[in-house]
N, C-alpha and C. Protein backbone atom coordinates (compact mmCIF):
# COMPACT_ATOMS: atom_id res chain seq x y z
N UNK A 1 -9.50 17.03 17.54
CA UNK A 1 -9.33 16.15 16.39
C UNK A 1 -10.15 14.88 16.62
N UNK A 2 -10.71 14.36 15.56
CA UNK A 2 -11.52 13.16 15.65
C UNK A 2 -10.65 11.94 15.97
N UNK A 3 -11.19 11.05 16.76
CA UNK A 3 -10.52 9.79 17.06
C UNK A 3 -11.40 8.67 16.53
N UNK A 4 -10.92 7.96 15.52
CA UNK A 4 -11.70 6.90 14.89
C UNK A 4 -11.75 5.64 15.74
N UNK A 5 -12.83 4.90 15.59
CA UNK A 5 -12.95 3.58 16.22
C UNK A 5 -13.67 2.67 15.22
N UNK A 6 -13.45 1.38 15.34
CA UNK A 6 -14.05 0.42 14.41
C UNK A 6 -14.93 -0.56 15.16
N UNK A 7 -16.00 -0.94 14.51
CA UNK A 7 -16.85 -2.03 14.98
C UNK A 7 -16.69 -3.15 13.98
N UNK A 8 -15.76 -4.04 14.24
CA UNK A 8 -15.42 -5.10 13.28
C UNK A 8 -16.55 -6.09 13.07
N UNK A 9 -17.51 -6.12 13.97
CA UNK A 9 -18.63 -7.04 13.83
C UNK A 9 -19.86 -6.42 13.19
N UNK A 10 -19.76 -5.17 12.75
CA UNK A 10 -20.94 -4.46 12.25
C UNK A 10 -21.37 -4.87 10.85
N UNK A 11 -20.43 -5.44 10.08
CA UNK A 11 -20.75 -5.77 8.69
C UNK A 11 -20.56 -4.58 7.76
N UNK A 12 -20.23 -3.41 8.29
CA UNK A 12 -19.98 -2.21 7.49
C UNK A 12 -18.49 -2.16 7.20
N UNK A 13 -18.13 -1.93 5.92
CA UNK A 13 -16.72 -1.92 5.56
C UNK A 13 -15.97 -0.85 6.36
N UNK A 14 -14.70 -1.10 6.56
CA UNK A 14 -13.87 -0.22 7.38
C UNK A 14 -13.84 1.20 6.83
N UNK A 15 -13.64 1.35 5.52
CA UNK A 15 -13.54 2.70 4.98
C UNK A 15 -14.86 3.46 5.16
N UNK A 16 -16.00 2.76 5.04
CA UNK A 16 -17.29 3.42 5.24
C UNK A 16 -17.50 3.81 6.70
N UNK A 17 -16.99 3.02 7.62
CA UNK A 17 -17.08 3.40 9.03
C UNK A 17 -16.34 4.72 9.26
N UNK A 18 -15.18 4.87 8.63
CA UNK A 18 -14.42 6.12 8.76
C UNK A 18 -15.19 7.29 8.16
N UNK A 19 -15.74 7.09 6.97
CA UNK A 19 -16.53 8.13 6.30
C UNK A 19 -17.71 8.53 7.18
N UNK A 20 -18.45 7.55 7.69
CA UNK A 20 -19.63 7.83 8.52
C UNK A 20 -19.24 8.59 9.78
N UNK A 21 -18.11 8.24 10.38
CA UNK A 21 -17.69 8.91 11.61
C UNK A 21 -17.33 10.37 11.35
N UNK A 22 -16.70 10.65 10.20
CA UNK A 22 -16.38 12.05 9.87
C UNK A 22 -17.67 12.82 9.64
N UNK A 23 -18.60 12.24 8.88
CA UNK A 23 -19.86 12.93 8.61
C UNK A 23 -20.65 13.16 9.89
N UNK A 24 -20.64 12.19 10.79
CA UNK A 24 -21.34 12.36 12.06
C UNK A 24 -20.69 13.48 12.88
N UNK A 25 -19.37 13.52 12.89
CA UNK A 25 -18.66 14.57 13.64
C UNK A 25 -18.96 15.95 13.05
N UNK A 26 -19.11 16.02 11.73
CA UNK A 26 -19.47 17.28 11.08
C UNK A 26 -20.89 17.69 11.46
N UNK A 27 -21.81 16.73 11.47
CA UNK A 27 -23.20 17.03 11.83
C UNK A 27 -23.33 17.53 13.26
N UNK A 28 -22.54 16.93 14.14
CA UNK A 28 -22.64 17.26 15.56
C UNK A 28 -21.76 18.43 15.97
N UNK A 29 -20.97 18.95 15.03
CA UNK A 29 -20.13 20.09 15.34
C UNK A 29 -18.81 19.73 16.01
N UNK A 30 -18.52 18.45 16.11
CA UNK A 30 -17.24 18.02 16.68
C UNK A 30 -16.10 18.39 15.75
N UNK A 31 -16.36 18.31 14.43
CA UNK A 31 -15.42 18.76 13.41
C UNK A 31 -16.02 19.98 12.74
N UNK A 32 -15.17 20.95 12.46
CA UNK A 32 -15.62 22.18 11.81
C UNK A 32 -14.69 22.52 10.67
N UNK A 33 -15.15 23.35 9.73
CA UNK A 33 -14.27 23.77 8.64
C UNK A 33 -12.94 24.32 9.18
N UNK A 34 -11.86 23.84 8.55
CA UNK A 34 -10.52 24.23 8.98
C UNK A 34 -9.83 23.19 9.85
N UNK A 35 -10.62 22.32 10.48
CA UNK A 35 -10.04 21.27 11.33
C UNK A 35 -9.28 20.27 10.47
N UNK A 36 -8.24 19.70 11.04
CA UNK A 36 -7.44 18.70 10.34
C UNK A 36 -7.86 17.31 10.79
N UNK A 37 -7.98 16.41 9.82
CA UNK A 37 -8.22 15.00 10.14
C UNK A 37 -6.90 14.36 10.51
N UNK A 38 -6.94 13.25 11.24
CA UNK A 38 -5.69 12.54 11.54
C UNK A 38 -5.02 12.12 10.23
N UNK A 39 -3.71 12.06 10.24
CA UNK A 39 -3.00 11.60 9.04
C UNK A 39 -3.31 10.11 8.83
N UNK A 40 -3.12 9.68 7.60
CA UNK A 40 -3.33 8.25 7.30
C UNK A 40 -2.45 7.40 8.21
N UNK A 41 -1.23 7.84 8.41
CA UNK A 41 -0.30 7.09 9.26
C UNK A 41 -0.83 6.97 10.69
N UNK A 42 -1.38 8.05 11.23
CA UNK A 42 -1.93 8.02 12.59
C UNK A 42 -3.11 7.05 12.69
N UNK A 43 -3.97 7.07 11.67
CA UNK A 43 -5.14 6.18 11.68
C UNK A 43 -4.69 4.72 11.56
N UNK A 44 -3.73 4.47 10.66
CA UNK A 44 -3.20 3.11 10.48
C UNK A 44 -2.62 2.58 11.79
N UNK A 45 -1.86 3.43 12.47
CA UNK A 45 -1.24 3.00 13.73
C UNK A 45 -2.26 2.76 14.84
N UNK A 46 -3.28 3.60 14.91
CA UNK A 46 -4.24 3.46 16.00
C UNK A 46 -5.24 2.33 15.77
N UNK A 47 -5.56 2.05 14.49
CA UNK A 47 -6.59 1.04 14.21
C UNK A 47 -6.03 -0.26 13.62
N UNK A 48 -4.75 -0.27 13.29
CA UNK A 48 -4.12 -1.43 12.66
C UNK A 48 -4.86 -1.84 11.39
N UNK A 49 -5.00 -0.88 10.47
CA UNK A 49 -5.65 -1.14 9.19
C UNK A 49 -4.72 -0.75 8.05
N UNK A 50 -5.07 -1.14 6.85
CA UNK A 50 -4.29 -0.86 5.66
C UNK A 50 -4.37 0.63 5.33
N UNK A 51 -3.24 1.25 4.98
CA UNK A 51 -3.25 2.67 4.62
C UNK A 51 -4.20 3.00 3.46
N UNK A 52 -4.33 2.06 2.53
CA UNK A 52 -5.22 2.30 1.39
C UNK A 52 -6.68 2.46 1.82
N UNK A 53 -7.03 1.82 2.93
CA UNK A 53 -8.39 1.94 3.46
C UNK A 53 -8.65 3.37 3.92
N UNK A 54 -7.69 3.95 4.61
CA UNK A 54 -7.82 5.33 5.09
C UNK A 54 -7.88 6.27 3.90
N UNK A 55 -6.98 6.06 2.94
CA UNK A 55 -6.93 6.92 1.76
C UNK A 55 -8.23 6.84 0.96
N UNK A 56 -8.82 5.66 0.89
CA UNK A 56 -10.10 5.49 0.19
C UNK A 56 -11.19 6.30 0.88
N UNK A 57 -11.23 6.25 2.20
CA UNK A 57 -12.23 7.01 2.97
C UNK A 57 -12.03 8.51 2.74
N UNK A 58 -10.80 8.96 2.82
CA UNK A 58 -10.51 10.39 2.64
C UNK A 58 -10.84 10.84 1.22
N UNK A 59 -10.58 9.97 0.22
CA UNK A 59 -10.92 10.32 -1.17
C UNK A 59 -12.43 10.48 -1.34
N UNK A 60 -13.20 9.59 -0.69
CA UNK A 60 -14.66 9.70 -0.78
C UNK A 60 -15.13 11.00 -0.15
N UNK A 61 -14.58 11.35 0.99
CA UNK A 61 -14.94 12.61 1.65
C UNK A 61 -14.55 13.81 0.79
N UNK A 62 -13.44 13.66 0.08
CA UNK A 62 -12.99 14.73 -0.82
C UNK A 62 -13.95 14.85 -2.01
N UNK A 63 -14.37 13.72 -2.57
CA UNK A 63 -15.34 13.73 -3.68
C UNK A 63 -16.65 14.38 -3.25
N UNK A 64 -17.02 14.18 -2.00
CA UNK A 64 -18.25 14.78 -1.47
C UNK A 64 -18.08 16.27 -1.17
N UNK A 65 -16.85 16.77 -1.32
CA UNK A 65 -16.59 18.19 -1.09
C UNK A 65 -16.48 18.57 0.37
N UNK A 66 -16.29 17.58 1.24
CA UNK A 66 -16.25 17.85 2.68
C UNK A 66 -14.85 18.13 3.19
N UNK A 67 -13.85 17.51 2.55
CA UNK A 67 -12.47 17.70 2.98
C UNK A 67 -11.59 17.98 1.77
N UNK A 68 -10.36 18.42 2.07
CA UNK A 68 -9.39 18.69 1.02
C UNK A 68 -8.03 18.22 1.49
N UNK A 69 -7.38 17.43 0.65
CA UNK A 69 -6.02 17.00 0.95
C UNK A 69 -5.05 18.08 0.51
N UNK A 70 -4.14 18.45 1.40
CA UNK A 70 -3.12 19.45 1.08
C UNK A 70 -1.76 18.76 1.17
N UNK A 71 -1.11 18.58 0.00
CA UNK A 71 0.16 17.84 -0.01
C UNK A 71 1.15 18.36 1.03
N UNK A 72 1.67 17.41 1.79
CA UNK A 72 2.65 17.73 2.81
C UNK A 72 2.08 18.33 4.08
N UNK A 73 0.78 18.61 4.09
CA UNK A 73 0.16 19.24 5.27
C UNK A 73 -0.87 18.34 5.94
N UNK A 74 -1.66 17.62 5.14
CA UNK A 74 -2.69 16.76 5.70
C UNK A 74 -4.02 16.96 5.02
N UNK A 75 -5.06 16.48 5.65
CA UNK A 75 -6.42 16.57 5.13
C UNK A 75 -7.24 17.45 6.06
N UNK A 76 -7.90 18.45 5.47
CA UNK A 76 -8.61 19.46 6.25
C UNK A 76 -10.08 19.53 5.87
N UNK A 77 -10.91 19.81 6.85
CA UNK A 77 -12.35 19.95 6.64
C UNK A 77 -12.61 21.25 5.87
N UNK A 78 -13.38 21.14 4.78
CA UNK A 78 -13.74 22.31 3.99
C UNK A 78 -15.09 22.88 4.42
N UNK A 79 -16.05 21.98 4.63
CA UNK A 79 -17.39 22.44 4.97
C UNK A 79 -18.08 21.41 5.83
N UNK A 80 -19.12 21.86 6.49
CA UNK A 80 -19.89 20.99 7.35
C UNK A 80 -20.98 20.30 6.52
N UNK A 81 -21.58 19.32 7.09
CA UNK A 81 -22.71 18.64 6.46
C UNK A 81 -23.95 19.48 6.77
N UNK A 82 -24.75 19.74 5.75
CA UNK A 82 -25.95 20.53 5.98
C UNK A 82 -26.94 19.73 6.80
N UNK A 83 -27.75 20.43 7.52
CA UNK A 83 -28.73 19.77 8.36
C UNK A 83 -29.12 20.69 9.49
N UNK A 84 -29.63 20.10 10.54
CA UNK A 84 -30.08 20.88 11.70
C UNK A 84 -28.90 21.61 12.34
N UNK A 85 -29.21 22.70 13.00
CA UNK A 85 -28.18 23.48 13.67
C UNK A 85 -27.68 22.74 14.91
N UNK A 86 -26.55 23.17 15.41
CA UNK A 86 -25.98 22.57 16.61
C UNK A 86 -26.94 22.74 17.80
N UNK A 87 -27.64 23.87 17.85
CA UNK A 87 -28.61 24.11 18.93
C UNK A 87 -29.72 23.06 18.86
N UNK A 88 -30.21 22.80 17.64
CA UNK A 88 -31.27 21.79 17.47
C UNK A 88 -30.75 20.41 17.85
N UNK A 89 -29.51 20.10 17.45
CA UNK A 89 -28.93 18.81 17.81
C UNK A 89 -28.85 18.65 19.32
N UNK A 90 -28.43 19.70 20.00
CA UNK A 90 -28.28 19.64 21.45
C UNK A 90 -29.63 19.38 22.11
N UNK A 91 -30.66 20.11 21.68
CA UNK A 91 -31.99 19.94 22.25
C UNK A 91 -32.52 18.53 21.97
N UNK A 92 -32.37 18.08 20.73
CA UNK A 92 -32.86 16.75 20.36
C UNK A 92 -32.10 15.65 21.08
N UNK A 93 -30.81 15.87 21.28
CA UNK A 93 -30.02 14.88 22.02
C UNK A 93 -30.51 14.76 23.45
N UNK A 94 -30.77 15.88 24.10
CA UNK A 94 -31.30 15.84 25.48
C UNK A 94 -32.62 15.08 25.51
N UNK A 95 -33.50 15.37 24.53
CA UNK A 95 -34.78 14.67 24.46
C UNK A 95 -34.58 13.17 24.26
N UNK A 96 -33.65 12.82 23.40
CA UNK A 96 -33.38 11.41 23.12
C UNK A 96 -32.78 10.72 24.35
N UNK A 97 -31.88 11.40 25.04
CA UNK A 97 -31.30 10.83 26.26
C UNK A 97 -32.39 10.56 27.30
N UNK A 98 -33.34 11.49 27.43
CA UNK A 98 -34.45 11.30 28.36
C UNK A 98 -35.29 10.10 27.94
N UNK A 99 -35.57 10.00 26.63
CA UNK A 99 -36.36 8.88 26.10
C UNK A 99 -35.66 7.55 26.37
N UNK A 100 -34.34 7.50 26.15
CA UNK A 100 -33.58 6.27 26.38
C UNK A 100 -33.65 5.88 27.85
N UNK A 101 -33.49 6.86 28.75
CA UNK A 101 -33.60 6.56 30.20
C UNK A 101 -34.97 5.96 30.52
N UNK A 102 -36.03 6.58 29.98
CA UNK A 102 -37.39 6.07 30.23
C UNK A 102 -37.56 4.67 29.66
N UNK A 103 -37.02 4.43 28.48
CA UNK A 103 -37.13 3.10 27.86
C UNK A 103 -36.39 2.06 28.69
N UNK A 104 -35.22 2.41 29.19
CA UNK A 104 -34.45 1.47 30.04
C UNK A 104 -35.20 1.19 31.34
N UNK A 105 -35.80 2.24 31.92
CA UNK A 105 -36.59 2.06 33.14
C UNK A 105 -37.80 1.17 32.88
N UNK A 106 -38.30 1.17 31.64
CA UNK A 106 -39.44 0.33 31.26
C UNK A 106 -39.00 -1.09 30.95
N UNK A 107 -37.67 -1.35 30.99
CA UNK A 107 -37.19 -2.71 30.81
C UNK A 107 -36.60 -3.02 29.44
N UNK A 108 -36.49 -2.04 28.56
CA UNK A 108 -35.91 -2.30 27.25
C UNK A 108 -34.39 -2.35 27.35
N UNK A 109 -33.79 -3.30 26.64
CA UNK A 109 -32.32 -3.37 26.61
C UNK A 109 -31.81 -2.75 25.30
N UNK A 110 -30.51 -2.80 25.10
CA UNK A 110 -29.87 -2.16 23.93
C UNK A 110 -30.47 -2.67 22.62
N UNK A 111 -30.66 -3.97 22.51
CA UNK A 111 -31.21 -4.54 21.27
C UNK A 111 -32.66 -4.11 21.05
N UNK A 112 -33.43 -4.04 22.14
CA UNK A 112 -34.82 -3.56 22.03
C UNK A 112 -34.85 -2.13 21.51
N UNK A 113 -33.97 -1.29 22.08
CA UNK A 113 -33.90 0.11 21.67
C UNK A 113 -33.50 0.23 20.20
N UNK A 114 -32.49 -0.54 19.81
CA UNK A 114 -32.00 -0.50 18.43
C UNK A 114 -33.12 -0.94 17.48
N UNK A 115 -33.83 -1.99 17.81
CA UNK A 115 -34.91 -2.49 16.96
C UNK A 115 -36.03 -1.45 16.85
N UNK A 116 -36.39 -0.85 17.96
CA UNK A 116 -37.45 0.15 17.97
C UNK A 116 -37.08 1.37 17.12
N UNK A 117 -35.87 1.86 17.29
CA UNK A 117 -35.41 3.01 16.51
C UNK A 117 -35.36 2.66 15.02
N UNK A 118 -34.89 1.47 14.69
CA UNK A 118 -34.82 1.05 13.28
C UNK A 118 -36.20 1.03 12.65
N UNK A 119 -37.18 0.50 13.36
CA UNK A 119 -38.55 0.44 12.84
C UNK A 119 -39.12 1.84 12.66
N UNK A 120 -38.92 2.69 13.64
CA UNK A 120 -39.45 4.06 13.56
C UNK A 120 -38.80 4.82 12.41
N UNK A 121 -37.49 4.67 12.24
CA UNK A 121 -36.81 5.34 11.13
C UNK A 121 -37.33 4.83 9.78
N UNK A 122 -37.52 3.52 9.67
CA UNK A 122 -38.04 2.96 8.43
C UNK A 122 -39.45 3.46 8.15
N UNK A 123 -40.30 3.50 9.18
CA UNK A 123 -41.66 4.00 9.01
C UNK A 123 -41.66 5.47 8.59
N UNK A 124 -40.78 6.25 9.19
CA UNK A 124 -40.67 7.67 8.88
C UNK A 124 -40.22 7.87 7.44
N UNK A 125 -39.25 7.09 7.02
CA UNK A 125 -38.74 7.20 5.65
C UNK A 125 -39.84 6.81 4.66
N UNK A 126 -40.59 5.77 4.98
CA UNK A 126 -41.68 5.33 4.11
C UNK A 126 -42.75 6.43 4.01
N UNK A 127 -43.10 7.04 5.15
CA UNK A 127 -44.10 8.11 5.16
C UNK A 127 -43.61 9.31 4.35
N UNK A 128 -42.33 9.67 4.50
CA UNK A 128 -41.77 10.78 3.73
C UNK A 128 -41.82 10.48 2.24
N UNK A 129 -41.51 9.25 1.88
CA UNK A 129 -41.52 8.84 0.48
C UNK A 129 -42.93 8.90 -0.10
N UNK A 130 -43.90 8.43 0.67
CA UNK A 130 -45.30 8.47 0.22
C UNK A 130 -45.78 9.90 0.07
N UNK A 131 -45.37 10.76 0.98
CA UNK A 131 -45.76 12.16 0.93
C UNK A 131 -45.17 12.82 -0.32
N UNK A 132 -43.91 12.53 -0.60
CA UNK A 132 -43.26 13.09 -1.79
C UNK A 132 -43.93 12.59 -3.06
N UNK A 133 -44.30 11.30 -3.09
CA UNK A 133 -44.98 10.74 -4.26
C UNK A 133 -46.33 11.41 -4.48
N UNK A 134 -47.08 11.65 -3.40
CA UNK A 134 -48.40 12.26 -3.55
C UNK A 134 -48.27 13.72 -3.99
N UNK A 135 -47.21 14.40 -3.56
CA UNK A 135 -46.99 15.78 -3.99
C UNK A 135 -46.63 15.83 -5.47
N UNK A 136 -45.88 14.84 -5.96
CA UNK A 136 -45.52 14.78 -7.37
C UNK A 136 -46.76 14.53 -8.23
N UNK A 137 -47.70 13.73 -7.69
CA UNK A 137 -48.90 13.40 -8.45
C UNK A 137 -49.80 14.62 -8.63
N UNK A 138 -49.72 15.58 -7.73
CA UNK A 138 -50.50 16.80 -7.84
C UNK A 138 -51.88 16.64 -7.28
N UNK A 139 -52.64 17.75 -7.25
CA UNK A 139 -53.99 17.72 -6.69
C UNK A 139 -54.92 16.87 -7.55
N UNK A 140 -55.82 16.17 -6.89
CA UNK A 140 -56.82 15.37 -7.60
C UNK A 140 -56.30 14.02 -8.06
N UNK A 141 -55.05 13.72 -7.80
CA UNK A 141 -54.47 12.43 -8.20
C UNK A 141 -54.32 11.56 -6.97
N UNK A 142 -53.97 10.32 -7.20
CA UNK A 142 -53.65 9.44 -6.08
C UNK A 142 -54.83 8.66 -5.57
N UNK A 143 -55.13 8.74 -4.28
CA UNK A 143 -56.08 7.86 -3.62
C UNK A 143 -57.48 7.95 -4.20
N UNK A 144 -57.89 9.10 -4.73
CA UNK A 144 -59.25 9.25 -5.21
C UNK A 144 -59.42 8.76 -6.64
N UNK A 145 -58.33 8.48 -7.34
CA UNK A 145 -58.42 8.00 -8.70
C UNK A 145 -59.16 6.66 -8.73
N UNK A 146 -60.00 6.50 -9.68
CA UNK A 146 -60.72 5.25 -9.86
C UNK A 146 -61.93 5.11 -8.99
N UNK A 147 -62.14 6.03 -8.05
CA UNK A 147 -63.32 5.95 -7.19
C UNK A 147 -64.50 6.57 -7.93
N UNK A 148 -65.62 5.88 -7.94
CA UNK A 148 -66.79 6.43 -8.63
C UNK A 148 -68.04 6.21 -7.82
């Protein structure tokens, strides 16, 4: 069963932190279809948060089709988040762990690593967006337009 934790200094609302943690657990295979989420009462007791916050997170997950509330029984995972397979995650995680070790040996600290990853993710997203835009424009459009 998933065990929630909060980063009160992150600036991310509490209910979204819960949603993100469930989605991450689904991506990594920690949670699978049929698994039960902690009851709202259990989450409230462990994190000292308002029950409505937990219910809001669970409702969002339900709207996304990931979980289902069963009256008197609890909230259960319906499906996983689509994406890379668990095998791919495992391989990529090992590669990332090796990269982090090398970065630390090179003198980078946690903030340096976070900044570097943030920049690379942003660059990657920008490149993906540009690629999608050029594919929408079709052949012969885009960079060569207006050149004579």
